Protein backbone atom coordinates (compact mmCIF):
# COMPACT_ATOMS: atom_id res chain seq x y z
CA MET A 1 0.10 -0.05 0.09
CA LYS A 2 1.38 3.44 -1.08
CA ASN A 3 0.86 6.42 1.09
CA THR A 4 1.42 10.17 1.01
CA ILE A 5 2.05 10.65 4.75
CA LYS A 6 5.39 12.16 4.42
CA VAL A 7 4.14 14.64 1.84
CA GLU A 8 1.16 15.53 4.03
CA ARG A 9 3.45 15.98 6.91
CA ALA A 10 5.63 18.25 5.06
CA LYS A 11 2.55 20.45 3.84
CA ASN A 12 1.44 20.70 7.40
CA ASN A 13 4.90 21.24 8.99
CA LEU A 14 4.63 18.24 11.32
CA THR A 15 7.43 15.80 12.32
CA GLN A 16 6.77 12.08 12.76
CA GLN A 17 6.60 12.62 16.40
CA ASP A 18 4.14 15.31 16.07
CA LEU A 19 1.92 13.19 13.97
CA ALA A 20 2.34 10.22 16.33
CA GLU A 21 1.27 12.17 19.25
CA LYS A 22 -1.80 13.46 17.35
CA VAL A 23 -2.96 9.81 16.58
CA ASN A 24 -1.60 8.24 19.85
CA VAL A 25 0.99 5.93 18.41
CA SER A 26 4.65 5.80 18.54
CA ARG A 27 7.09 7.73 16.16
CA GLN A 28 8.35 4.28 14.88
CA THR A 29 4.79 3.29 13.87
CA ILE A 30 4.56 6.53 11.57
CA ASN A 31 7.93 5.70 10.34
CA SER A 32 7.00 2.11 9.47
CA ILE A 33 3.66 3.21 7.80
CA GLU A 34 5.72 5.81 5.67
CA ALA A 35 8.23 3.23 4.60
CA GLY A 36 5.45 0.76 3.62
CA LYS A 37 6.58 -1.90 6.27
CA TYR A 38 3.28 -1.64 8.14
CA VAL A 39 -0.22 -1.21 7.01
CA PRO A 40 -2.31 0.76 9.65
CA SER A 41 -5.73 -0.51 10.94
CA THR A 42 -8.60 1.09 9.64
CA VAL A 43 -9.05 3.32 12.76
CA LEU A 44 -5.53 4.56 12.55
CA ALA A 45 -5.80 5.40 8.91
CA LEU A 46 -8.97 7.34 9.49
CA LYS A 47 -7.17 9.24 12.48
CA ILE A 48 -4.23 10.11 10.15
CA SER A 49 -6.54 11.38 7.31
CA ARG A 50 -8.53 13.33 9.89
CA VAL A 51 -5.36 15.08 11.08
CA PHE A 52 -4.62 16.25 7.50
CA ASN A 53 -8.37 17.03 6.85
CA VAL A 54 -8.18 14.99 3.62
CA SER A 55 -9.98 11.80 2.54
CA LEU A 56 -8.52 8.37 3.24
CA GLU A 57 -8.02 7.89 -0.63
CA GLU A 58 -5.91 10.89 -0.69
CA ILE A 59 -3.31 9.44 1.71
CA PHE A 60 -3.48 5.74 1.07
CA GLU A 61 -3.59 3.73 -2.30
CA LEU A 62 -3.72 0.14 -3.02
CA GLU A 63 -1.03 -1.27 -5.23
CA GLU A 64 -1.44 -4.18 -7.69
CA LYS A 65 0.29 -6.53 -5.36
CA ASP A 66 -2.16 -5.69 -2.58
């Protein structure tokens, strides 16, 4: 699954730690999601999209292999 979390963080001037605190996870979790090593739960994905005030589909995209 692809994501644009890093881009959205840059647009909103947020660090991984800032985002992690807003969605109540560790910075390492945000790092793993950005790197494509971890697929977030539906609840976490919705929280992340809410922080950036964009739709889920604007942040997360399924790839062919998914």
